[in-house]
């Protein structure tokens, strides 16, 4: 087995099929299929089985994913470490981030990073929940993860770098019943229609706590797409609880941003594996 075979295997997994993986890798589909068959012969196990027109991972294939990612990550780290001997001029850091934290503080982190290391680049991968970020870092999909949780984070097997706190705010239409207010208490939201994120997100947890306290909030939209919430608020569909990272954009768009009382916060952190980081990822952490 070699690194090329493992890279082809992961491409098929990540792109959901041989044809799409071949396009992404700029290789001929027969060559990619042959490499996968050769890897299966080396391992003595089928990695995929075909169901109709779909390829489905076998148990052996699922078992290979994380070790394969770590092998390729190790090779990338070795190559980048050698290149960094003459200066950190090239390289890439991959970071998984939740939507609100991708707005801020990630934008600020990246700005500082590229100013200090103009030859390096950043790839941002999307994860909707803190557990999703942790899984992407554990499995090697991303080297670093930016997440937020209602409690200070402590993840076994991962290094955790605190990156501040974010409070929650209420975003509402400027011409609605909350116009003229600067802050809003939970009980003031009685009768309001609310737009929420999916379970497992901090904003959803706050809304659920408000409703559990006896406040009559009517849930009108549940969405996994965080970027749809502000347009829905501006269209008058309802109000929303969001991390304060969205506040500047909401105000510029004409929405009302209110302090939410009692206050609720998210603890923001960057997580990484405890083994060796690429020089680019280590440099990114130093920028925090």
Protein backbone atom coordinates (compact mmCIF):
# COMPACT_ATOMS: atom_id res chain seq x y z
CA UNK A 1 0.00 0.00 0.00
CA UNK A 2 1.27 3.51 -0.78
CA UNK A 3 0.27 7.10 -0.18
CA UNK A 4 -1.15 7.52 -3.68
CA UNK A 5 -3.55 4.61 -3.14
CA UNK A 6 -4.66 6.01 0.21
CA UNK A 7 -5.21 9.43 -1.34
CA UNK A 8 -7.34 7.89 -4.08
CA UNK A 9 -9.32 5.91 -1.51
CA UNK A 10 -10.07 9.04 0.54
CA UNK A 11 -11.03 10.96 -2.59
CA UNK A 12 -13.64 8.32 -3.42
CA UNK A 13 -14.95 8.51 0.16
CA UNK A 14 -15.04 12.32 0.27
CA UNK A 15 -16.54 12.81 -3.21
CA UNK A 16 -19.03 9.98 -2.95
CA UNK A 17 -17.93 7.96 -5.95
CA UNK A 18 -15.18 7.06 -8.39
CA UNK A 19 -16.27 9.34 -11.23
CA UNK A 20 -16.47 12.49 -9.09
CA UNK A 21 -13.19 11.61 -7.36
CA UNK A 22 -11.48 11.14 -10.71
CA UNK A 23 -12.63 14.58 -11.85
CA UNK A 24 -11.43 16.18 -8.60
CA UNK A 25 -8.04 14.44 -8.85
CA UNK A 26 -7.66 15.07 -12.60
CA UNK A 27 -6.98 11.38 -13.28
CA UNK A 28 -8.63 8.89 -15.61
CA UNK A 29 -11.44 6.93 -13.99
CA UNK A 30 -9.99 3.51 -15.01
CA UNK A 31 -6.67 4.44 -13.35
CA UNK A 32 -8.45 5.40 -10.15
CA UNK A 33 -10.52 2.21 -10.14
CA UNK A 34 -7.37 0.14 -10.72
CA UNK A 35 -5.61 1.84 -7.79
CA UNK A 36 -8.55 1.05 -5.49
CA UNK A 37 -8.58 -2.60 -6.60
CA UNK A 38 -4.83 -2.80 -6.02
CA UNK A 39 -5.26 -1.38 -2.51
CA UNK A 40 -7.97 -3.95 -1.78
CA UNK A 41 -5.66 -6.75 -2.94
CA UNK A 42 -2.86 -5.42 -0.70
CA UNK A 43 -5.19 -5.37 2.28
CA UNK A 44 -7.01 -8.58 1.46
CA UNK A 45 -10.37 -6.88 2.03
CA UNK A 46 -13.04 -5.20 -0.06
CA UNK A 47 -13.26 -1.51 0.86
CA UNK A 48 -16.46 -0.77 -1.07
CA UNK A 49 -19.46 -2.71 -2.23
CA UNK A 50 -21.76 -1.61 -5.03
CA UNK A 51 -25.47 -1.17 -4.31
CA UNK A 52 -27.22 -0.28 -7.55
CA UNK A 53 -25.17 2.59 -8.95
CA UNK A 54 -23.76 3.62 -5.57
CA UNK A 55 -20.53 2.65 -3.83
CA UNK A 56 -20.98 1.92 -0.13
CA UNK A 57 -18.13 1.52 2.35
CA UNK A 58 -17.65 -1.88 3.91
CA UNK A 59 -16.65 -2.26 7.56
CA UNK A 60 -13.05 -2.57 6.41
CA UNK A 61 -13.38 0.62 4.38
CA UNK A 62 -14.77 2.55 7.34
CA UNK A 63 -11.93 1.25 9.51
CA UNK A 64 -9.35 2.54 7.02
CA UNK A 65 -10.58 6.15 6.80
CA UNK A 66 -9.00 7.64 9.94
CA UNK A 67 -5.64 5.79 9.66
CA UNK A 68 -5.42 6.80 5.99
CA UNK A 69 -6.01 10.44 6.84
CA UNK A 70 -3.34 10.30 9.53
CA UNK A 71 -0.81 8.73 7.16
CA UNK A 72 -1.34 11.48 4.59
CA UNK A 73 -1.33 14.15 7.30
CA UNK A 74 1.96 12.76 8.63
CA UNK A 75 3.52 12.91 5.17
CA UNK A 76 2.28 16.48 4.73
CA UNK A 77 3.74 17.41 8.13
CA UNK A 78 7.09 15.86 7.23
CA UNK A 79 7.25 17.67 3.90
CA UNK A 80 6.20 21.01 5.39
CA UNK A 81 8.68 20.65 8.26
CA UNK A 82 11.56 20.19 5.82
CA UNK A 83 10.41 23.14 3.71
CA UNK A 84 10.13 25.35 6.80
CA UNK A 85 13.85 24.96 7.52
CA UNK A 86 14.48 27.71 4.98
CA UNK A 87 11.58 29.82 6.25
CA UNK A 88 7.82 29.41 6.54
CA UNK A 89 7.15 30.59 3.00
CA UNK A 90 4.64 28.01 1.72
CA UNK A 91 2.05 25.78 3.30
CA UNK A 92 -1.61 25.40 4.15
CA UNK A 93 -3.64 25.02 7.32
CA UNK A 94 -7.04 23.32 7.30
CA UNK A 95 -9.50 24.40 9.99
CA UNK A 96 -13.04 23.20 10.65
CA UNK A 97 -15.32 25.93 11.99
CA UNK A 98 -18.89 26.39 13.13
CA UNK A 99 -20.88 29.02 11.14
CA UNK A 100 -21.08 31.82 13.72
CA UNK A 101 -17.45 31.49 14.75
CA UNK A 102 -16.44 31.42 11.06
CA UNK A 103 -17.85 34.96 10.85
CA UNK A 104 -15.86 36.05 13.88
CA UNK A 105 -13.35 35.44 15.44
CA UNK A 106 -12.09 33.28 12.54
CA UNK A 107 -12.03 36.23 10.12
CA UNK A 108 -9.80 38.15 12.53
CA UNK A 109 -7.54 35.15 13.11
CA UNK A 110 -7.09 34.63 9.37
CA UNK A 111 -6.40 38.33 8.78
CA UNK A 112 -3.59 38.26 11.36
CA UNK A 113 -2.27 34.95 10.04
CA UNK A 114 -2.00 36.00 6.38
CA UNK A 115 -0.48 39.35 7.36
CA UNK A 116 2.28 37.58 9.28
CA UNK A 117 2.67 34.70 6.78
CA UNK A 118 1.67 35.97 3.31
CA UNK A 119 2.90 32.81 1.59
CA UNK A 120 0.58 30.51 3.57
CA UNK A 121 -3.05 29.73 2.86
CA UNK A 122 -6.09 28.65 4.87
CA UNK A 123 -8.81 26.13 3.98
CA UNK A 124 -12.00 26.47 6.04
CA UNK A 125 -14.26 23.43 6.34
CA UNK A 126 -17.85 23.67 7.60
CA UNK A 127 -19.23 21.92 10.68
CA UNK A 128 -22.62 22.78 12.14
CA UNK A 129 -22.01 21.72 15.75
CA UNK A 130 -19.18 21.52 18.28
CA UNK A 131 -19.28 17.72 18.13
CA UNK A 132 -18.97 17.94 14.36
CA UNK A 133 -15.83 20.06 14.67
CA UNK A 134 -14.31 17.65 17.20
CA UNK A 135 -15.01 14.66 14.94
CA UNK A 136 -13.40 16.37 11.94
CA UNK A 137 -10.24 17.05 13.95
CA UNK A 138 -10.14 13.55 15.49
CA UNK A 139 -10.58 11.88 12.09
CA UNK A 140 -7.99 14.07 10.38
CA UNK A 141 -10.39 15.85 8.01
CA UNK A 142 -9.06 19.12 9.46
CA UNK A 143 -5.95 19.82 11.47
CA UNK A 144 -7.51 22.53 13.63
CA UNK A 145 -11.08 23.17 14.75
CA UNK A 146 -12.82 26.38 15.87
CA UNK A 147 -15.90 25.77 17.96
CA UNK A 148 -18.10 27.24 20.65
CA UNK A 149 -19.96 25.59 23.52
CA UNK A 150 -22.07 26.75 26.43
CA UNK A 151 -19.59 25.21 28.88
CA UNK A 152 -15.77 25.46 28.89
CA UNK A 153 -14.44 22.73 26.64
CA UNK A 154 -12.34 19.77 27.76
CA UNK A 155 -11.94 17.06 25.13
CA UNK A 156 -9.96 13.92 25.89
CA UNK A 157 -7.13 13.43 23.44
CA UNK A 158 -7.31 16.95 22.02
CA UNK A 159 -5.39 20.11 22.86
CA UNK A 160 -7.74 23.00 23.64
CA UNK A 161 -6.73 26.67 23.18
CA UNK A 162 -9.33 29.08 24.65
CA UNK A 163 -10.23 31.90 22.26
CA UNK A 164 -12.59 34.10 24.29
CA UNK A 165 -16.34 34.25 24.77
CA UNK A 166 -19.29 35.30 22.64
CA UNK A 167 -22.60 36.41 24.08
CA UNK A 168 -25.96 35.84 22.47
CA UNK A 169 -28.09 38.69 21.12
CA UNK A 170 -31.62 38.89 19.75
CA UNK A 171 -32.00 39.95 16.11
CA UNK A 172 -35.38 41.33 15.05
CA UNK A 173 -36.97 43.40 12.29
CA UNK A 174 -36.45 47.14 12.75
CA UNK A 175 -40.15 47.94 12.32
CA UNK A 176 -41.53 45.16 14.51
CA UNK A 177 -42.98 45.26 18.05
CA UNK A 178 -39.48 45.42 19.61
CA UNK A 179 -38.55 48.63 17.76
CA UNK A 180 -37.05 51.25 20.05
CA UNK A 181 -35.77 48.76 22.59
CA UNK A 182 -32.07 48.27 23.34
CA UNK A 183 -32.39 45.15 25.46
CA UNK A 184 -34.99 42.47 25.87
CA UNK A 185 -35.76 40.12 28.72
CA UNK A 186 -36.98 36.60 28.14
CA UNK A 187 -40.52 37.43 29.23
CA UNK A 188 -40.66 40.29 26.71
CA UNK A 189 -40.52 37.69 23.93
CA UNK A 190 -43.92 36.15 24.76
CA UNK A 191 -45.93 35.71 21.58
CA UNK A 192 -42.96 36.20 19.24
CA UNK A 193 -42.29 33.91 16.30
CA UNK A 194 -38.74 32.55 16.42
CA UNK A 195 -36.29 31.15 13.88
CA UNK A 196 -33.97 28.50 15.31
CA UNK A 197 -30.95 26.40 14.37
CA UNK A 198 -30.87 22.63 14.60
CA UNK A 199 -30.58 20.79 17.94
CA UNK A 200 -27.04 20.73 19.31
CA UNK A 201 -26.31 24.38 18.52
CA UNK A 202 -25.87 27.03 21.20
CA UNK A 203 -28.52 29.32 19.74
CA UNK A 204 -31.05 26.47 19.78
CA UNK A 205 -30.17 25.67 23.38
CA UNK A 206 -30.88 29.26 24.46
CA UNK A 207 -34.25 29.29 22.69
CA UNK A 208 -35.16 25.96 24.28
CA UNK A 209 -34.26 27.36 27.72
CA UNK A 210 -36.46 30.43 27.12
CA UNK A 211 -39.38 28.24 26.11
CA UNK A 212 -38.79 25.88 29.05
CA UNK A 213 -39.05 28.87 31.42
CA UNK A 214 -42.67 29.29 30.36
CA UNK A 215 -42.31 31.99 27.68
CA UNK A 216 -44.69 31.37 24.77
CA UNK A 217 -42.34 31.41 21.76
CA UNK A 218 -43.71 30.04 18.50
CA UNK A 219 -41.07 28.21 16.45
CA UNK A 220 -41.73 28.97 12.78
CA UNK A 221 -38.48 27.90 11.09
CA UNK A 222 -35.74 25.41 11.96
CA UNK A 223 -32.72 25.65 9.66
CA UNK A 224 -29.27 24.11 9.39
CA UNK A 225 -28.24 26.98 7.11
CA UNK A 226 -27.14 29.75 9.46
CA UNK A 227 -26.80 32.19 6.55
CA UNK A 228 -30.58 32.05 5.92
CA UNK A 229 -31.52 33.33 9.38
CA UNK A 230 -30.80 37.03 8.87
CA UNK A 231 -32.70 37.23 5.55
CA UNK A 232 -35.66 35.52 7.23
CA UNK A 233 -35.57 38.06 10.08
CA UNK A 234 -35.40 40.97 7.61
CA UNK A 235 -38.34 39.47 5.71
CA UNK A 236 -40.43 39.62 8.90
CA UNK A 237 -40.70 35.86 9.38
CA UNK A 238 -39.60 36.02 13.02
CA UNK A 239 -36.88 36.92 15.51
CA UNK A 240 -33.72 34.92 16.15
CA UNK A 241 -31.14 34.37 18.88
CA UNK A 242 -27.65 34.61 17.34
CA UNK A 243 -24.06 34.85 18.51
CA UNK A 244 -22.88 38.46 18.64
CA UNK A 245 -20.50 37.77 15.74
CA UNK A 246 -23.52 38.38 13.49
CA UNK A 247 -24.37 41.75 15.08
CA UNK A 248 -22.33 44.08 12.77
CA UNK A 249 -23.71 42.42 9.64
CA UNK A 250 -27.25 42.47 11.04
CA UNK A 251 -27.07 46.18 11.84
CA UNK A 252 -25.67 47.03 8.40
CA UNK A 253 -28.52 45.07 6.83
CA UNK A 254 -31.06 47.13 8.79
CA UNK A 255 -32.01 44.65 11.51
CA UNK A 256 -32.48 45.47 15.19
CA UNK A 257 -29.87 43.93 17.50
CA UNK A 258 -30.89 43.73 21.17
CA UNK A 259 -29.02 42.66 24.29
CA UNK A 260 -30.62 39.49 25.67
CA UNK A 261 -31.24 39.38 29.43
CA UNK A 262 -30.29 37.39 31.37
CA UNK A 263 -27.06 37.09 29.40
CA UNK A 264 -25.99 33.81 27.84
CA UNK A 265 -22.52 33.13 26.50
CA UNK A 266 -20.55 30.70 24.38
CA UNK A 267 -17.00 29.66 25.20
CA UNK A 268 -14.91 29.76 22.02
CA UNK A 269 -11.88 27.51 21.59
CA UNK A 270 -9.53 26.07 19.01
CA UNK A 271 -8.92 22.32 19.21
CA UNK A 272 -6.12 20.27 17.68
CA UNK A 273 -4.71 16.78 17.96
CA UNK A 274 -1.92 16.33 20.47
CA UNK A 275 0.49 14.83 17.93
CA UNK A 276 2.76 16.87 15.65
CA UNK A 277 1.19 19.79 13.79
CA UNK A 278 2.31 21.05 10.42
CA UNK A 279 4.41 24.24 10.69
CA UNK A 280 1.52 26.19 9.14
CA UNK A 281 -0.95 24.97 11.77
CA UNK A 282 1.51 25.70 14.57
CA UNK A 283 1.97 29.22 13.17
CA UNK A 284 -1.81 29.69 13.08
CA UNK A 285 -2.08 28.74 16.75
CA UNK A 286 0.63 31.26 17.62
CA UNK A 287 -1.49 33.97 15.98
CA UNK A 288 -4.19 33.38 18.60
